[in-house]
Protein backbone atom coordinates (compact mmCIF):
# COMPACT_ATOMS: atom_id res chain seq x y z
CA MET A 1 -21.18 202.49 117.19
CA PRO A 2 -22.50 200.36 114.29
CA ASN A 3 -21.20 196.83 113.92
CA ARG A 4 -17.89 196.65 112.13
CA THR A 5 -17.08 194.26 109.30
CA ARG A 6 -15.05 191.43 110.86
CA ILE A 7 -12.03 190.24 108.89
CA LEU A 8 -10.20 186.93 109.34
CA ILE A 9 -6.54 187.48 108.36
CA VAL A 10 -4.68 184.39 107.16
CA ASP A 11 -0.92 184.53 106.45
CA ASP A 12 2.06 182.50 107.63
CA ALA A 13 4.34 185.57 107.99
CA ALA A 14 4.04 187.32 111.34
CA PRO A 15 5.19 190.76 110.06
CA VAL A 16 2.56 190.61 107.31
CA CYS A 17 -0.18 189.73 109.80
CA HIS A 18 0.94 192.54 112.10
CA LEU A 19 0.78 195.16 109.35
CA LEU A 20 -2.53 193.88 108.01
CA ALA A 21 -4.06 193.89 111.48
CA GLU A 22 -2.77 197.42 112.11
CA VAL A 23 -4.29 198.79 108.89
CA VAL A 24 -7.61 196.93 109.23
CA SER A 25 -8.02 197.93 112.89
CA GLY A 26 -7.26 201.55 111.99
CA ASP A 27 -10.44 201.80 109.93
CA VAL A 28 -13.60 202.65 111.85
CA GLU A 29 -15.72 200.31 109.68
CA LEU A 30 -13.50 197.23 110.02
CA GLU A 31 -12.09 195.03 112.73
CA VAL A 32 -9.87 191.97 112.96
CA ALA A 33 -11.92 188.92 113.88
CA ALA A 34 -8.82 186.74 114.26
CA ILE A 35 -5.42 185.91 112.76
CA ALA A 36 -4.45 182.48 111.45
CA ASN A 37 -1.03 181.33 110.25
CA ASN A 38 -2.09 178.47 107.98
CA GLY A 39 -5.15 177.16 106.18
CA ARG A 40 -6.06 174.56 108.79
CA GLU A 41 -6.02 177.10 111.60
CA ALA A 42 -8.01 179.49 109.37
CA LEU A 43 -10.68 176.86 108.78
CA ARG A 44 -11.01 176.20 112.51
CA LYS A 45 -11.34 179.92 113.29
CA PHE A 46 -13.75 180.44 110.42
CA ILE A 47 -16.08 177.76 111.80
CA GLU A 48 -15.77 179.16 115.33
CA LEU A 49 -16.12 182.89 114.55
CA ARG A 50 -17.96 183.11 111.22
CA PRO A 51 -16.19 186.31 110.10
CA ASP A 52 -17.73 188.66 107.53
CA ALA A 53 -14.76 188.35 105.14
CA VAL A 54 -11.50 186.42 104.80
CA LEU A 55 -8.15 187.80 103.65
CA LEU A 56 -6.32 184.65 102.52
CA ASP A 57 -2.66 184.11 101.60
CA VAL A 58 -1.87 181.56 98.89
CA ASP A 59 1.40 179.87 99.87
CA MET A 60 1.28 178.55 103.46
CA PRO A 61 2.36 175.44 105.38
CA VAL A 62 0.04 172.74 106.77
CA MET A 63 -2.84 173.76 104.45
CA ASN A 64 -2.37 176.21 101.58
CA GLY A 65 -4.77 178.96 100.57
CA LEU A 66 -6.32 177.06 97.69
CA ASP A 67 -7.25 174.08 99.87
CA ALA A 68 -8.50 176.40 102.61
CA LEU A 69 -10.68 178.23 100.09
CA THR A 70 -12.17 174.94 98.90
CA GLU A 71 -13.13 174.02 102.46
CA ILE A 72 -14.49 177.48 103.26
CA ARG A 73 -16.67 177.39 100.14
CA LYS A 74 -18.14 174.07 101.29
CA LEU A 75 -19.27 175.87 104.45
CA ASP A 76 -20.27 179.21 102.93
CA ARG A 77 -20.72 180.02 99.22
CA HIS A 78 -21.14 183.75 99.75
CA VAL A 79 -18.67 185.02 102.34
CA PRO A 80 -16.14 187.32 100.60
CA VAL A 81 -12.72 185.68 100.31
CA LEU A 82 -9.94 187.96 99.10
CA MET A 83 -6.77 186.20 97.95
CA PHE A 84 -3.66 188.08 99.06
CA SER A 85 -0.54 186.87 97.29
CA ALA A 86 2.71 187.99 95.71
CA LEU A 87 3.13 188.71 92.00
CA THR A 88 5.05 185.56 91.08
CA ARG A 89 4.40 183.01 88.34
CA LYS A 90 3.63 180.29 90.88
CA ALA A 91 1.29 182.55 92.87
CA ALA A 92 -0.38 183.74 89.65
CA ALA A 93 -1.31 180.20 88.59
CA VAL A 94 -2.65 179.29 92.04
CA THR A 95 -4.53 182.58 92.36
CA ILE A 96 -6.28 182.07 89.02
CA ASP A 97 -7.32 178.61 90.20
CA ALA A 98 -8.63 180.21 93.38
CA LEU A 99 -10.64 182.82 91.47
CA LEU A 100 -12.13 180.12 89.25
CA ARG A 101 -13.02 178.10 92.35
CA GLY A 102 -14.96 180.95 93.87
CA ALA A 103 -12.51 183.37 95.50
CA THR A 104 -14.10 186.81 95.44
CA THR A 105 -11.12 188.78 94.19
CA TYR A 106 -7.34 189.12 94.28
CA ILE A 107 -5.28 191.77 96.10
CA PRO A 108 -1.58 191.94 95.11
CA LYS A 109 0.77 191.62 98.06
CA PRO A 110 3.31 194.48 98.03
CA SER A 111 6.95 194.13 98.99
CA PHE A 112 7.20 194.43 102.74
CA SER A 113 10.68 196.01 102.69
CA ASP A 114 9.20 199.50 103.17
CA PRO A 115 6.54 199.39 105.94
CA ALA A 116 5.36 202.97 105.28
CA ALA A 117 4.79 202.22 101.59
CA VAL A 118 3.02 198.98 102.52
CA ARG A 119 0.65 200.79 104.88
CA ARG A 120 -0.15 203.33 102.19
CA CYS A 121 -0.74 200.58 99.61
CA LEU A 122 -3.01 198.64 101.94
CA ARG A 123 -5.05 201.74 102.81
CA GLU A 124 -5.42 202.74 99.15
CA GLU A 125 -5.93 199.29 97.59
CA LEU A 126 -6.96 196.71 100.17
CA ILE A 127 -9.35 198.67 102.40
CA PRO A 128 -11.46 200.14 99.53
CA ALA A 129 -11.74 196.69 97.95
CA VAL A 130 -12.87 195.09 101.22
CA LYS A 131 -15.48 197.81 101.78
CA ALA A 132 -16.80 197.70 98.20
CA ILE A 133 -17.17 193.93 98.28
CA CYS A 134 -18.74 193.80 101.74
CA GLN A 135 -21.09 196.73 101.20
CA GLY A 136 -24.65 195.43 101.05
CA ARG A 137 -23.51 191.89 101.85
CA ILE A 138 -22.71 192.47 105.51
CA LEU A 139 -26.02 193.50 107.07
CA PRO A 140 -26.27 195.06 110.53
CA ARG A 141 -27.03 192.20 112.86
CA THR A 142 -29.93 194.02 114.53
CA ARG A 143 -32.11 195.07 111.59
CA ALA A 144 -33.43 193.61 108.37
CA ALA A 145 -32.18 194.59 104.93
CA GLU A 146 -34.06 197.38 103.19
CA PRO A 147 -35.54 196.51 99.79
CA ARG A 148 -33.45 197.70 96.84
CA PRO A 149 -35.18 199.79 94.18
CA SER A 150 -35.47 198.13 90.79
CA LEU A 151 -34.08 199.97 87.80
CA PRO A 152 -35.56 199.71 84.32
CA ALA A 153 -33.66 198.23 81.41
CA ARG A 154 -33.58 199.78 77.94
CA PRO A 155 -36.27 198.31 75.64
CA PRO A 156 -34.78 195.95 73.01
CA ALA A 157 -34.75 196.99 69.36
CA SER A 158 -37.73 195.69 67.38
CA HIS A 159 -35.52 194.51 64.49
CA PRO A 160 -32.03 194.05 65.90
CA ALA A 161 -29.09 193.62 63.55
CA ALA A 162 -27.25 190.30 63.40
CA VAL A 163 -24.65 190.03 66.13
CA GLN A 164 -21.15 190.10 64.65
CA ALA A 165 -19.04 190.19 67.83
CA VAL A 166 -19.48 189.73 71.58
CA VAL A 167 -17.34 191.91 73.84
CA ILE A 168 -17.21 191.20 77.59
CA GLY A 169 -15.79 193.36 80.34
CA GLY A 170 -15.42 192.75 84.05
CA SER A 171 -13.32 193.34 87.12
CA THR A 172 -13.82 192.29 90.75
CA GLY A 173 -15.87 189.09 90.81
CA ALA A 174 -15.89 188.64 87.04
CA THR A 175 -13.37 185.80 86.85
CA GLU A 176 -15.80 183.30 88.34
CA ALA A 177 -18.56 184.76 86.15
CA LEU A 178 -16.44 184.06 83.06
CA SER A 179 -15.91 180.49 84.26
CA ILE A 180 -19.70 180.07 84.35
CA ILE A 181 -20.59 181.89 81.11
CA LEU A 182 -17.92 180.86 78.61
CA PRO A 183 -18.19 177.06 79.05
CA GLN A 184 -21.90 177.34 78.20
CA LEU A 185 -21.28 178.94 74.81
CA ALA A 186 -21.74 176.60 71.86
CA ALA A 187 -18.73 175.27 69.97
CA ASP A 188 -20.33 176.43 66.71
CA LEU A 189 -20.74 180.05 67.87
CA PRO A 190 -20.67 182.01 64.59
CA VAL A 191 -19.08 185.14 66.07
CA PRO A 192 -15.85 186.00 67.92
CA VAL A 193 -15.78 186.80 71.65
CA PHE A 194 -13.39 189.29 73.25
CA VAL A 195 -12.79 189.71 76.98
CA VAL A 196 -11.22 192.38 79.16
CA GLN A 197 -10.69 191.16 82.72
CA HIS A 198 -8.85 193.49 85.07
CA MET A 199 -5.91 191.63 86.60
CA PRO A 200 -2.09 191.81 86.71
CA PRO A 201 -0.49 191.13 83.28
CA MET A 202 1.19 187.89 84.33
CA PHE A 203 -2.20 186.46 85.33
CA VAL A 204 -3.77 186.76 81.86
CA PRO A 205 -2.08 183.75 80.17
CA TRP A 206 -3.03 181.55 83.13
CA LEU A 207 -6.63 182.74 82.96
CA ALA A 208 -6.83 182.01 79.21
CA GLU A 209 -5.25 178.58 79.69
CA ARG A 210 -7.59 177.58 82.52
CA LEU A 211 -10.68 178.78 80.63
CA ASP A 212 -9.54 177.00 77.47
CA HIS A 213 -9.60 173.68 79.33
CA ARG A 214 -13.21 174.31 80.39
CA CYS A 215 -14.68 175.61 77.13
CA ALA A 216 -15.80 174.16 73.82
CA LEU A 217 -14.57 177.37 72.20
CA ARG A 218 -10.86 178.01 71.82
CA VAL A 219 -9.67 180.51 74.46
CA ALA A 220 -6.35 182.33 74.14
CA VAL A 221 -4.69 185.67 74.76
CA ALA A 222 -5.45 188.26 72.07
CA GLU A 223 -2.37 188.51 69.85
CA PRO A 224 -1.81 191.91 68.20
CA GLY A 225 -1.88 191.72 64.39
CA ARG A 226 -3.88 188.48 64.30
CA GLN A 227 -7.00 188.24 62.14
CA VAL A 228 -10.31 187.80 63.97
CA TYR A 229 -12.12 184.49 63.48
CA SER A 230 -15.53 183.32 64.63
CA GLY A 231 -15.79 180.66 67.31
CA GLU A 232 -12.81 181.95 69.30
CA VAL A 233 -12.52 183.70 72.66
CA ARG A 234 -9.64 186.17 72.95
CA VAL A 235 -8.65 187.64 76.32
CA ALA A 236 -7.02 191.07 76.23
CA GLY A 237 -3.33 190.89 77.06
CA GLY A 238 -1.87 192.61 80.08
CA ASP A 239 -0.73 196.24 80.03
CA ARG A 240 -2.15 197.04 76.58
CA HIS A 241 -5.56 198.01 75.27
CA THR A 242 -7.18 195.67 72.77
CA VAL A 243 -8.68 197.39 69.71
CA PHE A 244 -9.83 196.38 66.23
CA GLU A 245 -8.81 197.40 62.72
CA ARG A 246 -10.78 196.67 59.57
CA ARG A 247 -8.83 195.89 56.40
CA GLY A 248 -11.26 195.38 53.57
CA THR A 249 -13.56 192.56 54.64
CA ASN A 250 -11.20 191.29 57.34
CA ILE A 251 -10.83 192.49 60.92
CA PHE A 252 -7.64 192.32 62.95
CA VAL A 253 -6.84 192.60 66.66
CA MET A 254 -4.41 195.40 67.42
CA ALA A 255 -2.62 196.66 70.53
CA ASP A 256 -2.99 200.21 71.79
CA HIS A 257 -0.31 201.28 74.26
CA GLY A 258 -2.02 204.55 75.09
CA PRO A 259 -2.48 205.70 78.68
CA PRO A 260 -4.71 203.81 81.13
CA VAL A 261 -8.41 204.62 80.99
CA ASN A 262 -10.23 204.69 84.35
CA ARG A 263 -6.84 203.60 85.76
CA PHE A 264 -6.92 200.42 83.68
CA ARG A 265 -4.93 199.08 80.75
CA PRO A 266 -6.51 197.09 79.17
CA SER A 267 -9.74 199.02 79.57
CA VAL A 268 -13.27 197.78 79.00
CA ASP A 269 -14.26 201.19 77.67
CA VAL A 270 -11.52 201.12 75.03
CA LEU A 271 -12.49 197.61 73.87
CA PHE A 272 -16.19 198.51 73.69
CA ARG A 273 -15.61 201.78 71.83
CA SER A 274 -13.39 200.11 69.26
CA ALA A 275 -15.89 197.27 68.77
CA ALA A 276 -18.67 199.82 68.23
CA GLU A 277 -16.60 201.62 65.59
CA VAL A 278 -15.76 198.44 63.68
CA TYR A 279 -18.81 196.22 64.21
CA GLY A 280 -21.44 198.95 64.59
CA ASP A 281 -24.94 197.64 65.29
CA GLY A 282 -23.58 194.09 65.26
CA THR A 283 -21.89 194.62 68.65
CA LEU A 284 -23.19 192.81 71.71
CA GLY A 285 -21.60 194.10 74.92
CA ILE A 286 -21.66 192.23 78.24
CA VAL A 287 -20.78 194.06 81.48
CA LEU A 288 -19.93 191.83 84.43
CA SER A 289 -19.24 192.36 88.12
CA GLY A 290 -16.73 195.05 89.02
CA MET A 291 -16.08 198.23 90.98
CA GLY A 292 -16.47 201.71 89.56
CA GLU A 293 -17.97 202.77 86.24
CA GLU A 294 -15.61 201.04 83.79
CA GLY A 295 -17.62 199.94 80.76
CA CYS A 296 -20.27 202.66 81.00
CA ARG A 297 -18.73 205.00 78.40
CA GLY A 298 -18.00 202.02 76.16
CA SER A 299 -21.59 200.82 76.51
CA GLU A 300 -22.72 204.29 75.52
CA ALA A 301 -20.63 204.00 72.35
CA ILE A 302 -22.17 200.60 71.55
CA VAL A 303 -25.73 201.84 72.06
CA SER A 304 -25.06 204.99 70.02
CA ARG A 305 -24.25 202.69 67.06
CA ALA A 306 -27.48 200.70 67.66
CA GLY A 307 -25.63 197.81 69.31
CA ARG A 308 -26.90 196.12 72.45
CA VAL A 309 -25.63 195.73 76.02
CA LEU A 310 -26.51 193.15 78.68
CA VAL A 311 -25.40 193.45 82.30
CA GLN A 312 -24.96 191.00 85.16
CA ASP A 313 -27.62 191.38 87.84
CA GLU A 314 -26.90 192.65 91.32
CA ASP A 315 -27.67 189.42 93.15
CA SER A 316 -25.07 187.41 91.24
CA SER A 317 -22.46 190.20 91.15
CA VAL A 318 -19.75 190.48 93.77
CA VAL A 319 -19.75 194.25 93.20
CA TRP A 320 -22.50 195.89 91.14
CA GLY A 321 -20.54 199.05 90.36
CA MET A 322 -19.83 198.44 86.67
CA PRO A 323 -23.15 196.80 85.72
CA GLY A 324 -25.08 199.20 87.93
CA SER A 325 -23.55 202.26 86.26
CA VAL A 326 -24.68 200.99 82.85
CA VAL A 327 -28.21 200.36 84.13
CA LYS A 328 -28.41 203.77 85.80
CA ALA A 329 -27.33 205.40 82.53
CA GLY A 330 -30.24 203.68 80.76
CA LEU A 331 -27.94 201.71 78.45
CA ALA A 332 -28.71 198.10 79.41
CA GLU A 333 -31.11 196.16 77.21
CA GLU A 334 -31.51 193.52 79.92
CA ILE A 335 -30.28 192.68 83.42
CA VAL A 336 -29.36 188.99 83.57
CA SER A 337 -28.13 186.58 86.24
CA VAL A 338 -24.71 185.11 85.61
CA GLN A 339 -26.21 181.61 85.39
CA ARG A 340 -28.44 182.65 82.46
CA MET A 341 -26.09 185.06 80.68
CA ALA A 342 -24.77 182.50 78.19
CA LEU A 343 -28.34 181.56 77.22
CA HIS A 344 -29.14 185.21 76.52
CA ILE A 345 -25.97 185.61 74.45
CA LEU A 346 -26.78 182.53 72.39
CA GLN A 347 -30.37 183.62 71.87
CA ARG A 348 -29.31 187.00 70.53
CA VAL A 349 -26.57 185.58 68.31
CA PHE A 350 -28.66 182.84 66.70
CA GLU A 351 -32.04 184.61 66.68
CA SER A 352 -30.58 187.67 64.99
CA ARG A 353 -29.20 185.43 62.26
CA SER A 354 -32.52 183.63 61.81
CA ALA A 355 -34.34 186.97 61.53
CA LYS A 356 -31.84 188.20 58.97
CA ALA A 357 -32.25 185.02 56.90
CA LEU A 358 -36.06 185.41 56.94
CA ILE A 359 -35.85 189.05 55.86
CA SER A 360 -33.46 188.31 53.00
């Protein structure tokens, strides 16, 4: 039997640990490396066992999840750490801090009043996330990794239009990417930036607030009915799609309460399609780490209007599903590491304006 992915489960509630261990052990590709009931015990077992992934609760005695994450990241920058916490305001704030500090993703902790429903939720939500994140990162311990085929990017336009708006979409692993990219954007950025990040609605204000403290640009939640201004970053609000409406020479952010797209509301595809309709060839789309193919249809809409799309590279992505789908569809102008993405955005924004000034 091939080596299983070894999971360290960390939670201070014994019933939670029991259910998690039952579900993880029931999958042929996973196994429980150990169980810890607080952050300090988790750190000791992590050093001793070096598990392939960590499922980490937020609120625990002795050492909480945030402090445990900080210590784990000092030891290993790449091991997947999945935060597992309840949907409360306190947990939301701490979880956002964890994601910005390098946690891989967040899994919402269901109510444990109905064990059967919890098992079903864990099998449908937790297990697929663990597998998607660990796939390609956890190598069989007896053979070397096979080389990955390179995929071509779409050639850039010879005379690209001036960028008028930057739209960014991401899911699993994209929160940390945003914390790297957005602080590098210049305070005098002459275009607006819009972000869709898949996460529970109550998390969005905390994400915007934390990013605002790190960035030269103003970061806030996108408010429906508000006019769009350059030099601002607006994060799509929870449980509604963010779209644009042109009124004369002005553009406004609007809310669309239509059904989820690709299971998500807000959806990256909806944001990208609306940006393509309003900004046309002035749209610059950025697709970050995430599972599935969200953003591919929206990227197609941007490219069909002569806009451009950049994607995060596989090495710096937690999950290359979203960026990879755009590349495979032949829609990406360039594949860029997260550390250099801001530079590429700035180059396209300012160079397109310089070229336009020279032509006119």
